[in-house]
Amino acid sequence: MHAFSDEFQSDLEDLMRWRRDVRRFRTDPVDEALLTQCLDAFLMAPSVGLSEPWRVVRVQSDRARAAALENFKAANADALTGYSGDKAQLYSGLKLSGMENAPVQLAILCDEATDKGAGLGAKTMPEMRRYSVVSAIMLFWLAVRSRGLGLGWVSILNPEQLCRDLDVPESWSLVGYFCLGWPEQNADSPELEKAGWESRRGSLPVEVR
């Protein structure tokens, strides 16, 4: 087994701490070679049965981006109706998407019908394919952040509508929509925490059975 140095372990902890959900981007372009380096993290990601079910769609055309942004705005307005009082006021002031400025936008999906992996591990738990995609996304996120870039996960969307707008195969389901670019500023704590929406736990509760 390869043993990593104390310095490496400390750097890794810093990387995980600085891996923030970024929503405020500069409009500067991202070099294509740099983006490719980050996306190569998917080639190292684990997946159930080696199925590699992730599918990446680059959302680049004006039409596709406009449809995604309109999707977010409609879903966000609907979400606001679920809150009232101070919570509604706070929610309305949150910046929950970087879609208007992020130079790179990606829809990352799961191919629920992939033949790769021959169904190993997915017959009893088909959701493992989506879990595999999420695992790959986290490696991608760390690769992005290690290069000074920022990544933001937009979860306030109608996934079925987005899949229709992007015209992807029916077996592909949306796992996440991501904005990528150079962050306006770096932060070592969640923006939602700074805004007073929620606070992070100080310790991990572990139950024993």
Protein backbone atom coordinates (compact mmCIF):
# COMPACT_ATOMS: atom_id res chain seq x y z
CA MET A 1 0.00 0.00 0.00
CA HIS A 2 1.25 3.46 -0.87
CA ALA A 3 1.56 5.65 2.21
CA PHE A 4 0.92 9.38 1.75
CA SER A 5 2.93 11.93 3.68
CA ASP A 6 1.54 14.05 6.51
CA GLU A 7 1.96 17.07 4.23
CA PHE A 8 -0.14 15.46 1.52
CA GLN A 9 -2.83 14.52 4.02
CA SER A 10 -2.93 18.11 5.27
CA ASP A 11 -3.16 19.44 1.70
CA LEU A 12 -5.97 17.00 0.93
CA GLU A 13 -7.88 18.16 3.99
CA ASP A 14 -7.43 21.77 2.84
CA LEU A 15 -8.69 20.84 -0.62
CA MET A 16 -11.82 19.26 0.82
CA ARG A 17 -12.37 22.28 3.05
CA TRP A 18 -12.00 24.71 0.13
CA ARG A 19 -14.29 22.64 -2.09
CA ARG A 20 -17.21 25.02 -2.00
CA ASP A 21 -20.41 25.21 -4.00
CA VAL A 22 -19.65 28.29 -6.10
CA ARG A 23 -22.44 30.48 -7.45
CA ARG A 24 -20.58 33.70 -8.22
CA PHE A 25 -18.33 33.44 -11.26
CA ARG A 26 -16.18 35.72 -13.32
CA THR A 27 -16.99 35.57 -17.01
CA ASP A 28 -13.37 34.83 -18.00
CA PRO A 29 -13.17 31.78 -20.27
CA VAL A 30 -11.78 28.45 -19.09
CA ASP A 31 -8.97 27.02 -21.19
CA GLU A 32 -10.13 23.91 -23.03
CA ALA A 33 -7.04 21.92 -22.09
CA LEU A 34 -7.61 22.76 -18.43
CA LEU A 35 -11.24 21.68 -18.65
CA THR A 36 -10.19 18.40 -20.26
CA GLN A 37 -7.73 17.76 -17.43
CA CYS A 38 -10.55 18.19 -14.92
CA LEU A 39 -12.95 15.96 -16.86
CA ASP A 40 -10.30 13.24 -16.95
CA ALA A 41 -11.18 12.66 -13.29
CA PHE A 42 -14.19 10.70 -14.56
CA LEU A 43 -11.77 8.19 -16.09
CA MET A 44 -10.43 7.41 -12.61
CA ALA A 45 -13.78 7.27 -10.83
CA PRO A 46 -15.21 4.10 -9.26
CA SER A 47 -18.47 2.67 -10.54
CA VAL A 48 -20.68 -0.29 -9.73
CA GLY A 49 -19.63 -3.27 -11.86
CA LEU A 50 -17.29 -0.95 -13.80
CA SER A 51 -20.43 0.26 -15.56
CA GLU A 52 -19.19 3.87 -15.88
CA PRO A 53 -22.79 5.09 -16.30
CA TRP A 54 -22.01 8.83 -16.32
CA ARG A 55 -22.86 10.84 -19.39
CA VAL A 56 -21.66 14.44 -19.71
CA VAL A 57 -23.46 16.99 -21.87
CA ARG A 58 -21.87 20.38 -22.39
CA VAL A 59 -24.61 23.00 -22.44
CA GLN A 60 -23.18 25.64 -24.75
CA SER A 61 -25.68 26.91 -27.30
CA ASP A 62 -27.74 30.01 -26.54
CA ARG A 63 -30.91 27.97 -26.97
CA ALA A 64 -29.91 25.25 -24.54
CA ARG A 65 -28.63 27.69 -21.94
CA ALA A 66 -31.76 29.83 -22.17
CA ALA A 67 -33.93 26.75 -21.66
CA ALA A 68 -31.90 25.64 -18.64
CA LEU A 69 -32.01 29.11 -17.09
CA GLU A 70 -35.76 29.40 -17.62
CA ASN A 71 -36.16 25.96 -16.07
CA PHE A 72 -34.26 27.11 -12.98
CA LYS A 73 -36.24 30.35 -12.67
CA ALA A 74 -39.57 28.51 -12.81
CA ALA A 75 -38.47 25.85 -10.31
CA ASN A 76 -37.01 28.49 -8.00
CA ALA A 77 -40.23 30.52 -8.03
CA ASP A 78 -42.18 27.38 -7.22
CA ALA A 79 -39.79 26.49 -4.40
CA LEU A 80 -40.26 29.93 -2.85
CA THR A 81 -43.97 29.23 -2.35
CA GLY A 82 -43.00 26.44 0.07
CA TYR A 83 -41.64 28.96 2.57
CA SER A 84 -43.24 31.75 4.54
CA GLY A 85 -42.28 34.60 6.82
CA ASP A 86 -38.61 35.18 7.55
CA LYS A 87 -37.58 31.97 5.82
CA ALA A 88 -39.28 33.08 2.59
CA GLN A 89 -37.60 36.47 2.78
CA LEU A 90 -34.22 34.84 3.36
CA TYR A 91 -34.78 32.34 0.53
CA SER A 92 -35.69 35.08 -1.93
CA GLY A 93 -32.35 36.76 -1.30
CA LEU A 94 -30.20 33.66 -1.79
CA LYS A 95 -28.14 33.30 -4.93
CA LEU A 96 -28.76 29.68 -5.87
CA SER A 97 -27.34 29.52 -9.38
CA GLY A 98 -24.38 30.83 -11.34
CA MET A 99 -26.02 30.07 -14.67
CA GLU A 100 -26.04 33.66 -15.92
CA ASN A 101 -22.26 34.10 -15.71
CA ALA A 102 -20.55 30.69 -15.60
CA PRO A 103 -18.57 30.20 -18.84
CA VAL A 104 -18.88 26.39 -18.71
CA GLN A 105 -22.12 24.57 -17.96
CA LEU A 106 -22.51 20.81 -17.83
CA ALA A 107 -25.43 18.46 -17.42
CA ILE A 108 -24.22 15.20 -15.89
CA LEU A 109 -26.56 12.27 -16.33
CA CYS A 110 -26.79 8.56 -15.57
CA ASP A 111 -27.42 5.99 -18.28
CA GLU A 112 -29.87 3.76 -16.45
CA ALA A 113 -29.87 1.20 -19.27
CA THR A 114 -26.15 0.82 -19.90
CA ASP A 115 -24.98 -2.69 -20.76
CA LYS A 116 -21.49 -1.97 -19.47
CA GLY A 117 -20.81 -3.90 -16.29
CA ALA A 118 -23.41 -6.55 -17.18
CA GLY A 119 -25.62 -5.41 -14.32
CA LEU A 120 -23.16 -6.45 -11.61
CA GLY A 121 -24.23 -4.83 -8.33
CA ALA A 122 -27.09 -2.99 -10.01
CA LYS A 123 -29.65 -5.77 -10.27
CA THR A 124 -30.48 -5.64 -6.57
CA MET A 125 -29.71 -1.92 -6.14
CA PRO A 126 -30.17 -0.14 -9.48
CA GLU A 127 -29.67 3.18 -7.71
CA MET A 128 -26.00 2.22 -7.43
CA ARG A 129 -25.53 3.54 -10.95
CA ARG A 130 -26.57 7.01 -9.84
CA TYR A 131 -24.44 6.71 -6.72
CA SER A 132 -21.52 5.92 -9.03
CA VAL A 133 -22.17 9.09 -10.99
CA VAL A 134 -22.20 11.12 -7.78
CA SER A 135 -18.89 9.54 -6.73
CA ALA A 136 -17.40 10.53 -10.08
CA ILE A 137 -18.74 14.06 -9.70
CA MET A 138 -16.97 14.44 -6.36
CA LEU A 139 -13.63 13.42 -7.89
CA PHE A 140 -14.29 15.90 -10.70
CA TRP A 141 -15.12 18.60 -8.14
CA LEU A 142 -11.83 18.08 -6.30
CA ALA A 143 -9.93 18.15 -9.60
CA VAL A 144 -11.66 21.42 -10.52
CA ARG A 145 -10.92 23.03 -7.17
CA SER A 146 -7.29 21.89 -7.10
CA ARG A 147 -6.75 23.98 -10.24
CA GLY A 148 -8.31 27.10 -8.74
CA LEU A 149 -11.62 26.75 -10.59
CA GLY A 150 -15.02 26.72 -8.92
CA LEU A 151 -18.01 24.43 -9.42
CA GLY A 152 -21.64 24.98 -8.50
CA TRP A 153 -24.36 22.30 -8.38
CA VAL A 154 -27.77 23.62 -9.49
CA SER A 155 -30.38 21.36 -7.91
CA ILE A 156 -33.46 23.57 -8.31
CA LEU A 157 -34.61 22.29 -11.68
CA ASN A 158 -37.26 20.17 -13.35
CA PRO A 159 -35.02 17.24 -14.42
CA GLU A 160 -37.48 15.70 -16.88
CA GLN A 161 -37.96 19.02 -18.66
CA LEU A 162 -34.23 19.60 -18.84
CA CYS A 163 -33.69 16.17 -20.38
CA ARG A 164 -36.33 16.97 -22.99
CA ASP A 165 -34.77 20.35 -23.74
CA LEU A 166 -31.34 18.78 -24.15
CA ASP A 167 -32.81 15.96 -26.26
CA VAL A 168 -30.91 13.19 -24.50
CA PRO A 169 -31.82 9.48 -24.75
CA GLU A 170 -34.79 8.38 -22.64
CA SER A 171 -32.61 6.08 -20.54
CA TRP A 172 -30.50 9.01 -19.35
CA SER A 173 -31.61 10.62 -16.08
CA LEU A 174 -30.29 13.91 -14.77
CA VAL A 175 -28.02 13.69 -11.72
CA GLY A 176 -26.86 17.28 -11.67
CA TYR A 177 -26.48 20.53 -13.58
CA PHE A 178 -23.15 22.24 -12.97
CA CYS A 179 -21.72 25.68 -13.49
CA LEU A 180 -17.94 25.89 -13.79
CA GLY A 181 -15.57 28.83 -13.99
CA TRP A 182 -13.27 31.13 -12.09
CA PRO A 183 -14.87 32.13 -8.78
CA GLU A 184 -15.27 35.80 -7.91
CA GLN A 185 -13.79 34.99 -4.52
CA ASN A 186 -12.67 31.96 -2.55
CA ALA A 187 -14.43 30.86 0.62
CA ASP A 188 -13.70 28.15 3.15
CA SER A 189 -17.26 27.98 4.49
CA PRO A 190 -20.62 27.39 2.76
CA GLU A 191 -22.40 30.44 1.37
CA LEU A 192 -25.68 29.21 2.87
CA GLU A 193 -24.04 29.20 6.28
CA LYS A 194 -22.82 32.77 5.83
CA ALA A 195 -26.32 33.82 4.75
CA GLY A 196 -27.82 32.31 7.90
CA TRP A 197 -29.81 29.60 6.14
CA GLU A 198 -28.28 26.68 8.02
CA SER A 199 -25.20 25.80 10.04
CA ARG A 200 -22.79 22.93 9.64
CA ARG A 201 -22.56 20.21 12.29
CA GLY A 202 -19.47 20.39 14.46
CA SER A 203 -19.16 16.63 14.82
CA LEU A 204 -20.41 13.49 13.12
CA PRO A 205 -23.00 11.47 15.03
CA VAL A 206 -22.26 7.75 14.63
CA GLU A 207 -24.81 5.18 15.72
CA VAL A 208 -23.83 1.71 16.80
CA ARG A 209 -26.15 -1.25 16.32
